[in-house]
Amino acid sequence: MNENEGYKAGLAVRRKVLGEKYVDDAIAKADDFMKPLQQYLTEHAWGAAWTRPGLDLKTRSMLNLAMLTALNRPHELRIHLRGAIRNGVTKEEMQEIFLQCGVYCGAPAALESFKIAKEVLAEEAARA
């Protein structure tokens, strides 16, 4: 992969938020078809957006939880819930985010996110 400065900065914050093992596994598992996407996401999503000074990582995680709920992306929500926990988002804050999403995205979206968050929180508690 082309390890320019944006990629390097993105890789560092991606590892901080999602965990080294998750990120290293995702990159290692990327075949020739998926490598360009891993490069792009690391450089542009993580290196260009997540490293900006305007919002802290916790706020960015909170926004992601809301957006992934709105977009109905349960797989990504599960991943970003773990990142949100690493970034200091509390269970109570997650509840408020998903309740707010219920108003603007609908009850089914909020319900799905509550269920996924409950599972992730239980898994994280079992690891502690």
N, C-alpha and C. Protein backbone atom coordinates (compact mmCIF):
# COMPACT_ATOMS: atom_id res chain seq x y z
N MET A 1 0.83 -1.19 0.00
CA MET A 1 0.00 0.00 0.00
C MET A 1 0.87 1.25 0.00
N ASN A 2 0.34 2.29 -0.58
CA ASN A 2 1.04 3.56 -0.65
C ASN A 2 0.95 4.24 0.72
N GLU A 3 2.03 4.24 1.45
CA GLU A 3 2.01 4.77 2.81
C GLU A 3 2.44 6.24 2.84
N ASN A 4 1.61 7.11 2.27
CA ASN A 4 1.87 8.54 2.34
C ASN A 4 1.50 9.06 3.72
N GLU A 5 1.67 10.36 3.95
CA GLU A 5 1.42 10.93 5.29
C GLU A 5 -0.03 10.78 5.72
N GLY A 6 -0.97 10.98 4.78
CA GLY A 6 -2.39 10.80 5.10
C GLY A 6 -2.71 9.39 5.52
N TYR A 7 -2.10 8.43 4.83
CA TYR A 7 -2.31 7.03 5.17
C TYR A 7 -1.73 6.73 6.55
N LYS A 8 -0.53 7.20 6.82
CA LYS A 8 0.12 6.94 8.11
C LYS A 8 -0.68 7.55 9.26
N ALA A 9 -1.14 8.78 9.09
CA ALA A 9 -1.94 9.43 10.13
C ALA A 9 -3.27 8.69 10.31
N GLY A 10 -3.87 8.30 9.22
CA GLY A 10 -5.13 7.56 9.27
C GLY A 10 -4.97 6.21 9.94
N LEU A 11 -3.89 5.54 9.64
CA LEU A 11 -3.64 4.23 10.23
C LEU A 11 -3.48 4.34 11.75
N ALA A 12 -2.81 5.38 12.19
CA ALA A 12 -2.61 5.57 13.64
C ALA A 12 -3.94 5.80 14.36
N VAL A 13 -4.78 6.67 13.81
CA VAL A 13 -6.06 6.95 14.49
C VAL A 13 -7.02 5.77 14.33
N ARG A 14 -6.97 5.11 13.21
CA ARG A 14 -7.83 3.92 13.00
C ARG A 14 -7.49 2.84 14.02
N ARG A 15 -6.20 2.62 14.25
CA ARG A 15 -5.78 1.63 15.26
C ARG A 15 -6.20 2.06 16.66
N LYS A 16 -6.10 3.36 16.94
CA LYS A 16 -6.49 3.87 18.26
C LYS A 16 -7.98 3.66 18.52
N VAL A 17 -8.79 3.92 17.51
CA VAL A 17 -10.24 3.83 17.67
C VAL A 17 -10.74 2.39 17.59
N LEU A 18 -10.32 1.65 16.59
CA LEU A 18 -10.86 0.32 16.36
C LEU A 18 -10.04 -0.81 16.98
N GLY A 19 -8.83 -0.49 17.41
CA GLY A 19 -7.96 -1.51 18.00
C GLY A 19 -6.97 -2.03 16.98
N GLU A 20 -5.76 -2.25 17.44
CA GLU A 20 -4.70 -2.68 16.54
C GLU A 20 -5.02 -4.00 15.86
N LYS A 21 -5.52 -4.97 16.62
CA LYS A 21 -5.80 -6.29 16.07
C LYS A 21 -6.82 -6.21 14.94
N TYR A 22 -7.91 -5.51 15.18
CA TYR A 22 -8.95 -5.40 14.16
C TYR A 22 -8.39 -4.79 12.87
N VAL A 23 -7.67 -3.68 13.01
CA VAL A 23 -7.15 -2.98 11.83
C VAL A 23 -6.09 -3.82 11.12
N ASP A 24 -5.16 -4.38 11.89
CA ASP A 24 -4.12 -5.19 11.27
C ASP A 24 -4.71 -6.41 10.56
N ASP A 25 -5.75 -7.02 11.15
CA ASP A 25 -6.41 -8.16 10.50
C ASP A 25 -7.10 -7.72 9.21
N ALA A 26 -7.78 -6.58 9.24
CA ALA A 26 -8.48 -6.09 8.05
C ALA A 26 -7.50 -5.83 6.91
N ILE A 27 -6.36 -5.26 7.24
CA ILE A 27 -5.36 -4.97 6.21
C ILE A 27 -4.72 -6.26 5.71
N ALA A 28 -4.40 -7.16 6.64
CA ALA A 28 -3.77 -8.42 6.25
C ALA A 28 -4.68 -9.29 5.39
N LYS A 29 -5.98 -9.24 5.66
CA LYS A 29 -6.94 -10.06 4.91
C LYS A 29 -7.31 -9.46 3.56
N ALA A 30 -6.91 -8.23 3.32
CA ALA A 30 -7.27 -7.57 2.06
C ALA A 30 -6.53 -8.21 0.89
N ASP A 31 -7.29 -8.75 -0.03
CA ASP A 31 -6.69 -9.32 -1.23
C ASP A 31 -6.51 -8.20 -2.27
N ASP A 32 -6.08 -8.57 -3.45
CA ASP A 32 -5.82 -7.56 -4.48
C ASP A 32 -7.07 -6.74 -4.80
N PHE A 33 -8.25 -7.35 -4.69
CA PHE A 33 -9.49 -6.64 -4.96
C PHE A 33 -9.80 -5.63 -3.86
N MET A 34 -9.57 -5.98 -2.60
CA MET A 34 -9.94 -5.13 -1.46
C MET A 34 -8.86 -4.13 -1.04
N LYS A 35 -7.60 -4.35 -1.45
CA LYS A 35 -6.52 -3.45 -1.03
C LYS A 35 -6.77 -1.98 -1.39
N PRO A 36 -7.26 -1.68 -2.58
CA PRO A 36 -7.51 -0.26 -2.88
C PRO A 36 -8.53 0.37 -1.92
N LEU A 37 -9.53 -0.39 -1.49
CA LEU A 37 -10.51 0.15 -0.56
C LEU A 37 -9.88 0.38 0.81
N GLN A 38 -9.06 -0.55 1.27
CA GLN A 38 -8.38 -0.36 2.56
C GLN A 38 -7.49 0.89 2.50
N GLN A 39 -6.80 1.06 1.42
CA GLN A 39 -5.95 2.25 1.22
C GLN A 39 -6.80 3.51 1.27
N TYR A 40 -7.86 3.51 0.51
CA TYR A 40 -8.73 4.68 0.41
C TYR A 40 -9.35 5.03 1.77
N LEU A 41 -9.92 4.05 2.45
CA LEU A 41 -10.56 4.31 3.74
C LEU A 41 -9.56 4.81 4.78
N THR A 42 -8.39 4.18 4.81
CA THR A 42 -7.39 4.58 5.79
C THR A 42 -6.91 6.00 5.53
N GLU A 43 -6.65 6.30 4.28
CA GLU A 43 -6.14 7.63 3.93
C GLU A 43 -7.21 8.71 4.01
N HIS A 44 -8.38 8.45 3.47
CA HIS A 44 -9.38 9.50 3.35
C HIS A 44 -10.34 9.57 4.53
N ALA A 45 -10.94 8.47 4.92
CA ALA A 45 -11.86 8.51 6.06
C ALA A 45 -11.11 8.77 7.35
N TRP A 46 -10.08 7.97 7.58
CA TRP A 46 -9.36 8.07 8.85
C TRP A 46 -8.30 9.16 8.83
N GLY A 47 -7.56 9.29 7.73
CA GLY A 47 -6.47 10.26 7.66
C GLY A 47 -6.92 11.68 7.40
N ALA A 48 -7.99 11.85 6.61
CA ALA A 48 -8.44 13.20 6.27
C ALA A 48 -9.56 13.69 7.18
N ALA A 49 -10.43 12.81 7.63
CA ALA A 49 -11.57 13.25 8.46
C ALA A 49 -11.31 13.07 9.96
N TRP A 50 -10.96 11.86 10.37
CA TRP A 50 -10.82 11.57 11.80
C TRP A 50 -9.66 12.31 12.46
N THR A 51 -8.70 12.77 11.69
CA THR A 51 -7.55 13.47 12.27
C THR A 51 -7.74 14.98 12.35
N ARG A 52 -8.84 15.49 11.83
CA ARG A 52 -9.07 16.94 11.86
C ARG A 52 -9.22 17.41 13.30
N PRO A 53 -8.81 18.64 13.59
CA PRO A 53 -8.84 19.14 14.97
C PRO A 53 -10.21 19.63 15.46
N GLY A 54 -11.18 19.78 14.59
CA GLY A 54 -12.44 20.41 14.97
C GLY A 54 -13.32 19.63 15.93
N LEU A 55 -13.20 18.30 15.95
CA LEU A 55 -13.98 17.46 16.85
C LEU A 55 -13.06 16.44 17.50
N ASP A 56 -13.34 16.11 18.75
CA ASP A 56 -12.55 15.06 19.39
C ASP A 56 -13.06 13.68 18.95
N LEU A 57 -12.29 12.65 19.27
CA LEU A 57 -12.64 11.30 18.83
C LEU A 57 -13.97 10.83 19.42
N LYS A 58 -14.25 11.20 20.66
CA LYS A 58 -15.52 10.80 21.27
C LYS A 58 -16.70 11.38 20.49
N THR A 59 -16.63 12.65 20.16
CA THR A 59 -17.71 13.27 19.40
C THR A 59 -17.86 12.62 18.04
N ARG A 60 -16.74 12.36 17.38
CA ARG A 60 -16.81 11.68 16.08
C ARG A 60 -17.45 10.31 16.20
N SER A 61 -17.11 9.58 17.27
CA SER A 61 -17.74 8.27 17.48
C SER A 61 -19.24 8.40 17.70
N MET A 62 -19.64 9.40 18.46
CA MET A 62 -21.07 9.60 18.72
C MET A 62 -21.81 9.91 17.41
N LEU A 63 -21.21 10.72 16.57
CA LEU A 63 -21.81 11.01 15.27
C LEU A 63 -21.92 9.74 14.42
N ASN A 64 -20.88 8.93 14.45
CA ASN A 64 -20.90 7.69 13.67
C ASN A 64 -22.03 6.77 14.13
N LEU A 65 -22.23 6.66 15.45
CA LEU A 65 -23.31 5.80 15.94
C LEU A 65 -24.65 6.27 15.38
N ALA A 66 -24.87 7.57 15.37
CA ALA A 66 -26.12 8.11 14.84
C ALA A 66 -26.23 7.88 13.33
N MET A 67 -25.15 8.16 12.60
CA MET A 67 -25.21 8.02 11.14
C MET A 67 -25.37 6.56 10.72
N LEU A 68 -24.67 5.67 11.40
CA LEU A 68 -24.78 4.25 11.05
C LEU A 68 -26.16 3.70 11.39
N THR A 69 -26.79 4.25 12.43
CA THR A 69 -28.17 3.90 12.73
C THR A 69 -29.07 4.39 11.61
N ALA A 70 -28.90 5.64 11.20
CA ALA A 70 -29.73 6.21 10.15
C ALA A 70 -29.57 5.46 8.83
N LEU A 71 -28.36 5.00 8.56
CA LEU A 71 -28.08 4.30 7.30
C LEU A 71 -28.38 2.80 7.36
N ASN A 72 -28.74 2.32 8.56
CA ASN A 72 -29.01 0.89 8.75
C ASN A 72 -27.82 0.04 8.32
N ARG A 73 -26.69 0.29 8.97
CA ARG A 73 -25.46 -0.45 8.70
C ARG A 73 -25.03 -1.20 9.97
N PRO A 74 -25.72 -2.30 10.30
CA PRO A 74 -25.46 -2.99 11.57
C PRO A 74 -24.03 -3.53 11.72
N HIS A 75 -23.44 -3.99 10.65
CA HIS A 75 -22.06 -4.51 10.75
C HIS A 75 -21.10 -3.39 11.15
N GLU A 76 -21.20 -2.26 10.48
CA GLU A 76 -20.34 -1.12 10.80
C GLU A 76 -20.68 -0.55 12.17
N LEU A 77 -21.97 -0.57 12.54
CA LEU A 77 -22.37 -0.08 13.86
C LEU A 77 -21.68 -0.89 14.94
N ARG A 78 -21.66 -2.20 14.79
CA ARG A 78 -21.00 -3.08 15.77
C ARG A 78 -19.52 -2.71 15.92
N ILE A 79 -18.86 -2.49 14.83
CA ILE A 79 -17.43 -2.12 14.86
C ILE A 79 -17.26 -0.76 15.54
N HIS A 80 -18.10 0.20 15.17
CA HIS A 80 -17.94 1.54 15.72
C HIS A 80 -18.45 1.67 17.15
N LEU A 81 -19.29 0.75 17.60
CA LEU A 81 -19.64 0.72 19.02
C LEU A 81 -18.41 0.41 19.85
N ARG A 82 -17.61 -0.53 19.40
CA ARG A 82 -16.38 -0.85 20.13
C ARG A 82 -15.43 0.35 20.13
N GLY A 83 -15.34 1.03 19.00
CA GLY A 83 -14.53 2.24 18.94
C GLY A 83 -15.07 3.33 19.84
N ALA A 84 -16.38 3.47 19.89
CA ALA A 84 -17.00 4.48 20.75
C ALA A 84 -16.68 4.21 22.21
N ILE A 85 -16.71 2.95 22.60
CA ILE A 85 -16.35 2.59 23.97
C ILE A 85 -14.91 3.00 24.24
N ARG A 86 -14.01 2.69 23.32
CA ARG A 86 -12.60 3.09 23.46
C ARG A 86 -12.46 4.61 23.57
N ASN A 87 -13.34 5.33 22.90
CA ASN A 87 -13.27 6.79 22.88
C ASN A 87 -14.04 7.43 24.03
N GLY A 88 -14.56 6.61 24.95
CA GLY A 88 -15.19 7.15 26.15
C GLY A 88 -16.68 7.37 26.09
N VAL A 89 -17.35 6.90 25.05
CA VAL A 89 -18.80 7.03 24.97
C VAL A 89 -19.41 6.06 25.98
N THR A 90 -20.27 6.57 26.84
CA THR A 90 -20.87 5.74 27.89
C THR A 90 -22.13 5.04 27.39
N LYS A 91 -22.56 4.06 28.17
CA LYS A 91 -23.80 3.36 27.86
C LYS A 91 -24.97 4.34 27.84
N GLU A 92 -24.99 5.25 28.78
CA GLU A 92 -26.07 6.24 28.85
C GLU A 92 -26.06 7.16 27.63
N GLU A 93 -24.88 7.53 27.19
CA GLU A 93 -24.79 8.37 25.99
C GLU A 93 -25.26 7.59 24.76
N MET A 94 -24.92 6.31 24.68
CA MET A 94 -25.42 5.48 23.57
C MET A 94 -26.94 5.44 23.58
N GLN A 95 -27.52 5.27 24.75
CA GLN A 95 -28.98 5.24 24.84
C GLN A 95 -29.57 6.54 24.30
N GLU A 96 -29.01 7.66 24.69
CA GLU A 96 -29.52 8.96 24.24
C GLU A 96 -29.36 9.13 22.73
N ILE A 97 -28.24 8.69 22.21
CA ILE A 97 -28.02 8.77 20.75
C ILE A 97 -29.09 7.97 20.02
N PHE A 98 -29.33 6.73 20.47
CA PHE A 98 -30.29 5.88 19.78
C PHE A 98 -31.73 6.33 19.98
N LEU A 99 -32.03 6.92 21.14
CA LEU A 99 -33.37 7.49 21.34
C LEU A 99 -33.59 8.67 20.39
N GLN A 100 -32.56 9.52 20.25
CA GLN A 100 -32.64 10.64 19.32
C GLN A 100 -32.84 10.13 17.90
N CYS A 101 -32.13 9.06 17.56
CA CYS A 101 -32.28 8.46 16.23
C CYS A 101 -33.69 7.92 16.04
N GLY A 102 -34.28 7.42 17.11
CA GLY A 102 -35.65 6.92 17.02
C GLY A 102 -36.61 8.00 16.55
N VAL A 103 -36.39 9.22 16.99
CA VAL A 103 -37.25 10.34 16.59
C VAL A 103 -37.07 10.66 15.11
N TYR A 104 -35.82 10.72 14.66
CA TYR A 104 -35.55 11.18 13.31
C TYR A 104 -35.35 10.07 12.28
N CYS A 105 -35.03 8.86 12.74
CA CYS A 105 -34.78 7.75 11.81
C CYS A 105 -35.85 6.67 11.92
N GLY A 106 -36.64 6.72 12.96
CA GLY A 106 -37.70 5.74 13.15
C GLY A 106 -37.37 4.73 14.24
N ALA A 107 -38.44 4.21 14.83
CA ALA A 107 -38.30 3.24 15.91
C ALA A 107 -37.56 1.97 15.50
N PRO A 108 -37.81 1.42 14.31
CA PRO A 108 -37.07 0.20 13.94
C PRO A 108 -35.55 0.41 13.91
N ALA A 109 -35.12 1.56 13.44
CA ALA A 109 -33.67 1.84 13.41
C ALA A 109 -33.12 1.92 14.83
N ALA A 110 -33.82 2.63 15.70
CA ALA A 110 -33.38 2.74 17.09
C ALA A 110 -33.38 1.39 17.77
N LEU A 111 -34.41 0.60 17.55
CA LEU A 111 -34.51 -0.72 18.17
C LEU A 111 -33.34 -1.61 17.76
N GLU A 112 -33.02 -1.62 16.49
CA GLU A 112 -31.91 -2.43 15.99
C GLU A 112 -30.59 -1.99 16.63
N SER A 113 -30.38 -0.69 16.73
CA SER A 113 -29.14 -0.19 17.33
C SER A 113 -29.07 -0.50 18.82
N PHE A 114 -30.19 -0.38 19.52
CA PHE A 114 -30.21 -0.76 20.93
C PHE A 114 -29.83 -2.23 21.10
N LYS A 115 -30.39 -3.09 20.26
CA LYS A 115 -30.10 -4.53 20.36
C LYS A 115 -28.62 -4.82 20.12
N ILE A 116 -28.07 -4.20 19.08
CA ILE A 116 -26.66 -4.42 18.76
C ILE A 116 -25.78 -3.87 19.88
N ALA A 117 -26.10 -2.70 20.38
CA ALA A 117 -25.32 -2.11 21.47
C ALA A 117 -25.38 -2.98 22.72
N LYS A 118 -26.52 -3.51 23.02
CA LYS A 118 -26.66 -4.40 24.19
C LYS A 118 -25.72 -5.60 24.05
N GLU A 119 -25.68 -6.20 22.86
CA GLU A 119 -24.79 -7.33 22.62
C GLU A 119 -23.32 -6.93 22.77
N VAL A 120 -22.93 -5.83 22.16
CA VAL A 120 -21.54 -5.37 22.21
C VAL A 120 -21.15 -5.03 23.63
N LEU A 121 -22.00 -4.33 24.36
CA LEU A 121 -21.70 -3.99 25.76
C LEU A 121 -21.52 -5.25 26.61
N ALA A 122 -22.34 -6.26 26.38
CA ALA A 122 -22.21 -7.53 27.12
C ALA A 122 -20.90 -8.23 26.75
N GLU A 123 -20.56 -8.23 25.47
CA GLU A 123 -19.29 -8.85 25.05
C GLU A 123 -18.10 -8.13 25.65
N GLU A 124 -18.14 -6.80 25.66
CA GLU A 124 -17.04 -6.02 26.23
C GLU A 124 -16.95 -6.23 27.75
N ALA A 125 -18.08 -6.33 28.41
CA ALA A 125 -18.08 -6.58 29.86
C ALA A 125 -17.51 -7.95 30.18
N ALA A 126 -17.79 -8.94 29.33
CA ALA A 126 -17.25 -10.28 29.55
C ALA A 126 -15.74 -10.33 29.36
N ARG A 127 -15.22 -9.45 28.52
CA ARG A 127 -13.76 -9.38 28.28
C ARG A 127 -13.03 -8.68 29.42
N ALA A 128 -13.74 -7.85 30.14
CA ALA A 128 -13.09 -7.04 31.21
C ALA A 128 -12.74 -7.88 32.42
